[in-house]
């Protein structure tokens, strides 16, 4: 996930940086680093775990209790993963 796609994701859900931080369990400043792509001149990578959390939020999942997902959700995840370049 690039800084640009991260920011586009946030805005597509209508989230302010503070809201995205709360939903992802991060600090607002981290969201700002992800969107800028660097911190103090050093490149900032968006972790795979954050990328996957963004996808879950996009699919409407606010929390996950570990139970198997309904088939339709699994299909949506597979379709989304196939469309998303690594």
N, C-alpha and C. Protein backbone atom coordinates (compact mmCIF):
# COMPACT_ATOMS: atom_id res chain seq x y z
N UNK A 1 0.86 -1.17 0.00
CA UNK A 1 0.00 0.00 0.00
C UNK A 1 0.91 1.23 0.00
N UNK A 2 0.65 2.12 -0.91
CA UNK A 2 1.45 3.34 -1.01
C UNK A 2 0.83 4.44 -0.16
N UNK A 3 1.59 5.49 0.12
CA UNK A 3 1.01 6.62 0.84
C UNK A 3 -0.24 7.18 0.15
N UNK A 4 -0.20 7.22 -1.17
CA UNK A 4 -1.33 7.76 -1.93
C UNK A 4 -2.56 6.86 -1.80
N UNK A 5 -2.37 5.53 -1.91
CA UNK A 5 -3.52 4.64 -1.80
C UNK A 5 -4.05 4.60 -0.37
N UNK A 6 -3.16 4.76 0.61
CA UNK A 6 -3.61 4.81 1.99
C UNK A 6 -4.51 6.03 2.22
N UNK A 7 -4.07 7.17 1.72
CA UNK A 7 -4.87 8.39 1.88
C UNK A 7 -6.19 8.27 1.12
N UNK A 8 -6.15 7.70 -0.07
CA UNK A 8 -7.37 7.49 -0.85
C UNK A 8 -8.32 6.57 -0.10
N UNK A 9 -7.79 5.50 0.52
CA UNK A 9 -8.61 4.59 1.31
C UNK A 9 -9.32 5.35 2.43
N UNK A 10 -8.54 6.14 3.18
CA UNK A 10 -9.10 6.88 4.31
C UNK A 10 -10.22 7.81 3.85
N UNK A 11 -9.95 8.55 2.81
CA UNK A 11 -10.94 9.52 2.32
C UNK A 11 -12.16 8.81 1.73
N UNK A 12 -11.97 7.64 1.13
CA UNK A 12 -13.10 6.92 0.54
C UNK A 12 -14.08 6.45 1.61
N UNK A 13 -13.58 6.26 2.83
CA UNK A 13 -14.46 5.89 3.94
C UNK A 13 -14.97 7.11 4.70
N UNK A 14 -14.56 8.30 4.25
CA UNK A 14 -15.01 9.53 4.90
C UNK A 14 -14.40 9.73 6.27
N UNK A 15 -13.19 9.20 6.47
CA UNK A 15 -12.54 9.28 7.78
C UNK A 15 -11.55 10.44 7.83
N UNK A 16 -11.54 11.14 8.94
CA UNK A 16 -10.47 12.10 9.21
C UNK A 16 -9.28 11.30 9.71
N UNK A 17 -8.11 11.90 9.73
CA UNK A 17 -6.92 11.19 10.19
C UNK A 17 -7.12 10.65 11.60
N UNK A 18 -7.72 11.44 12.46
CA UNK A 18 -7.97 11.01 13.84
C UNK A 18 -8.87 9.78 13.88
N UNK A 19 -9.92 9.77 13.04
CA UNK A 19 -10.85 8.64 13.00
C UNK A 19 -10.16 7.38 12.50
N UNK A 20 -9.36 7.52 11.45
CA UNK A 20 -8.62 6.37 10.91
C UNK A 20 -7.68 5.82 11.97
N UNK A 21 -7.03 6.70 12.69
CA UNK A 21 -6.10 6.27 13.75
C UNK A 21 -6.84 5.47 14.81
N UNK A 22 -8.00 5.94 15.23
CA UNK A 22 -8.78 5.24 16.25
C UNK A 22 -9.21 3.86 15.75
N UNK A 23 -9.71 3.78 14.52
CA UNK A 23 -10.19 2.51 13.98
C UNK A 23 -9.05 1.51 13.79
N UNK A 24 -7.85 2.01 13.48
CA UNK A 24 -6.70 1.13 13.25
C UNK A 24 -5.88 0.89 14.52
N UNK A 25 -6.24 1.57 15.61
CA UNK A 25 -5.49 1.41 16.86
C UNK A 25 -4.11 2.05 16.80
N UNK A 26 -4.03 3.16 16.08
CA UNK A 26 -2.76 3.87 15.92
C UNK A 26 -2.91 5.30 16.41
N UNK A 27 -1.81 6.00 16.47
CA UNK A 27 -1.82 7.42 16.80
C UNK A 27 -2.00 8.22 15.51
N UNK A 28 -2.62 9.38 15.64
CA UNK A 28 -2.85 10.24 14.48
C UNK A 28 -1.54 10.55 13.75
N UNK A 29 -0.49 10.72 14.51
CA UNK A 29 0.81 11.05 13.90
C UNK A 29 1.30 9.94 12.97
N UNK A 30 1.01 8.68 13.33
CA UNK A 30 1.41 7.55 12.48
C UNK A 30 0.65 7.60 11.16
N UNK A 31 -0.63 7.96 11.22
CA UNK A 31 -1.43 8.12 10.01
C UNK A 31 -0.80 9.19 9.12
N UNK A 32 -0.37 10.27 9.73
CA UNK A 32 0.28 11.35 8.97
C UNK A 32 1.57 10.86 8.32
N UNK A 33 2.36 10.05 9.03
CA UNK A 33 3.59 9.49 8.45
C UNK A 33 3.26 8.59 7.27
N UNK A 34 2.24 7.74 7.43
CA UNK A 34 1.85 6.83 6.35
C UNK A 34 1.43 7.61 5.11
N UNK A 35 0.69 8.69 5.31
CA UNK A 35 0.22 9.47 4.17
C UNK A 35 1.34 10.29 3.52
N UNK A 36 2.28 10.72 4.30
CA UNK A 36 3.42 11.47 3.77
C UNK A 36 4.44 10.54 3.14
N UNK A 37 4.59 9.35 3.71
CA UNK A 37 5.53 8.38 3.16
C UNK A 37 6.91 8.44 3.77
N UNK A 38 7.10 9.39 4.69
CA UNK A 38 8.39 9.45 5.37
C UNK A 38 8.24 10.08 6.75
N UNK A 39 9.27 9.85 7.55
CA UNK A 39 9.36 10.44 8.88
C UNK A 39 10.79 10.92 9.06
N UNK A 40 10.93 12.21 9.23
CA UNK A 40 12.25 12.82 9.40
C UNK A 40 13.21 12.42 8.28
N UNK A 41 12.68 12.39 7.05
CA UNK A 41 13.51 12.08 5.89
C UNK A 41 13.74 10.60 5.63
N UNK A 42 13.22 9.73 6.50
CA UNK A 42 13.36 8.29 6.30
C UNK A 42 12.05 7.72 5.80
N UNK A 43 12.13 6.81 4.82
CA UNK A 43 10.94 6.20 4.24
C UNK A 43 10.15 5.43 5.30
N UNK A 44 8.84 5.58 5.27
CA UNK A 44 7.95 4.86 6.18
C UNK A 44 7.15 3.85 5.35
N UNK A 45 7.26 2.59 5.70
CA UNK A 45 6.50 1.53 5.04
C UNK A 45 5.21 1.30 5.81
N UNK A 46 4.14 1.09 5.10
CA UNK A 46 2.87 0.74 5.74
C UNK A 46 2.87 -0.76 5.93
N UNK A 47 2.80 -1.22 7.19
CA UNK A 47 2.88 -2.66 7.45
C UNK A 47 1.72 -3.44 6.82
N UNK A 48 1.99 -4.68 6.47
CA UNK A 48 0.97 -5.55 5.89
C UNK A 48 -0.24 -5.66 6.83
N UNK A 49 0.01 -5.68 8.14
CA UNK A 49 -1.10 -5.79 9.10
C UNK A 49 -2.03 -4.58 9.00
N UNK A 50 -1.48 -3.40 8.77
CA UNK A 50 -2.30 -2.20 8.62
C UNK A 50 -3.05 -2.26 7.29
N UNK A 51 -2.37 -2.70 6.26
CA UNK A 51 -3.01 -2.84 4.95
C UNK A 51 -4.21 -3.79 5.04
N UNK A 52 -4.04 -4.91 5.72
CA UNK A 52 -5.13 -5.87 5.87
C UNK A 52 -6.25 -5.32 6.74
N UNK A 53 -5.89 -4.55 7.76
CA UNK A 53 -6.90 -3.91 8.61
C UNK A 53 -7.71 -2.90 7.79
N UNK A 54 -7.05 -2.19 6.89
CA UNK A 54 -7.75 -1.25 6.02
C UNK A 54 -8.76 -1.99 5.15
N UNK A 55 -8.35 -3.14 4.62
CA UNK A 55 -9.25 -3.92 3.80
C UNK A 55 -10.45 -4.39 4.61
N UNK A 56 -10.21 -4.86 5.84
CA UNK A 56 -11.30 -5.32 6.70
C UNK A 56 -12.28 -4.18 6.98
N UNK A 57 -11.76 -3.00 7.28
CA UNK A 57 -12.64 -1.85 7.53
C UNK A 57 -13.43 -1.48 6.28
N UNK A 58 -12.80 -1.60 5.12
CA UNK A 58 -13.49 -1.31 3.86
C UNK A 58 -14.65 -2.27 3.63
N UNK A 59 -14.49 -3.49 4.13
CA UNK A 59 -15.53 -4.52 3.98
C UNK A 59 -16.57 -4.44 5.09
N UNK A 60 -16.39 -3.50 6.01
CA UNK A 60 -17.38 -3.30 7.06
C UNK A 60 -17.09 -4.03 8.36
N UNK A 61 -15.89 -4.60 8.49
CA UNK A 61 -15.53 -5.31 9.71
C UNK A 61 -14.83 -4.35 10.67
N UNK A 62 -15.46 -4.09 11.80
CA UNK A 62 -14.88 -3.22 12.83
C UNK A 62 -14.11 -4.05 13.86
N UNK A 63 -14.50 -5.31 14.00
CA UNK A 63 -13.86 -6.21 14.97
C UNK A 63 -13.94 -7.62 14.41
N UNK A 64 -13.08 -8.49 14.90
CA UNK A 64 -13.06 -9.87 14.43
C UNK A 64 -12.85 -10.79 15.62
N UNK A 65 -13.77 -11.73 15.79
CA UNK A 65 -13.72 -12.63 16.95
C UNK A 65 -13.07 -13.97 16.65
N UNK A 66 -12.55 -14.14 15.45
CA UNK A 66 -11.85 -15.37 15.11
C UNK A 66 -12.71 -16.43 14.47
N UNK A 67 -14.01 -16.23 14.45
CA UNK A 67 -14.89 -17.22 13.81
C UNK A 67 -14.70 -17.19 12.30
N UNK A 68 -14.96 -18.31 11.64
CA UNK A 68 -14.86 -18.32 10.17
C UNK A 68 -15.79 -17.28 9.57
N UNK A 69 -15.33 -16.66 8.50
CA UNK A 69 -16.12 -15.65 7.82
C UNK A 69 -17.17 -16.31 6.93
N UNK A 70 -18.30 -15.64 6.71
CA UNK A 70 -19.29 -16.18 5.76
C UNK A 70 -18.67 -16.30 4.38
N UNK A 71 -19.13 -17.23 3.61
CA UNK A 71 -18.56 -17.49 2.28
C UNK A 71 -18.51 -16.22 1.43
N UNK A 72 -19.55 -15.41 1.47
CA UNK A 72 -19.56 -14.19 0.66
C UNK A 72 -18.43 -13.24 1.05
N UNK A 73 -18.10 -13.17 2.33
CA UNK A 73 -17.00 -12.31 2.78
C UNK A 73 -15.67 -12.86 2.30
N UNK A 74 -15.51 -14.18 2.35
CA UNK A 74 -14.27 -14.80 1.88
C UNK A 74 -14.10 -14.54 0.39
N UNK A 75 -15.18 -14.68 -0.37
CA UNK A 75 -15.11 -14.41 -1.81
C UNK A 75 -14.74 -12.96 -2.07
N UNK A 76 -15.29 -12.04 -1.30
CA UNK A 76 -14.97 -10.62 -1.46
C UNK A 76 -13.50 -10.37 -1.15
N UNK A 77 -12.99 -11.03 -0.11
CA UNK A 77 -11.58 -10.88 0.22
C UNK A 77 -10.69 -11.38 -0.90
N UNK A 78 -11.04 -12.53 -1.46
CA UNK A 78 -10.24 -13.11 -2.56
C UNK A 78 -10.29 -12.20 -3.77
N UNK A 79 -11.46 -11.69 -4.12
CA UNK A 79 -11.59 -10.79 -5.26
C UNK A 79 -10.78 -9.52 -5.04
N UNK A 80 -10.86 -8.94 -3.84
CA UNK A 80 -10.12 -7.72 -3.53
C UNK A 80 -8.63 -7.96 -3.60
N UNK A 81 -8.17 -9.08 -3.05
CA UNK A 81 -6.75 -9.41 -3.08
C UNK A 81 -6.26 -9.59 -4.50
N UNK A 82 -7.07 -10.19 -5.35
CA UNK A 82 -6.67 -10.42 -6.74
C UNK A 82 -6.57 -9.12 -7.52
N UNK A 83 -7.39 -8.13 -7.16
CA UNK A 83 -7.40 -6.85 -7.86
C UNK A 83 -6.32 -5.89 -7.37
N UNK A 84 -5.81 -6.15 -6.15
CA UNK A 84 -4.87 -5.23 -5.51
C UNK A 84 -3.44 -5.67 -5.78
N UNK A 85 -2.63 -4.82 -6.43
CA UNK A 85 -1.22 -5.17 -6.63
C UNK A 85 -0.48 -5.14 -5.30
N UNK A 86 0.48 -6.03 -5.17
CA UNK A 86 1.27 -6.11 -3.91
C UNK A 86 2.27 -5.00 -3.82
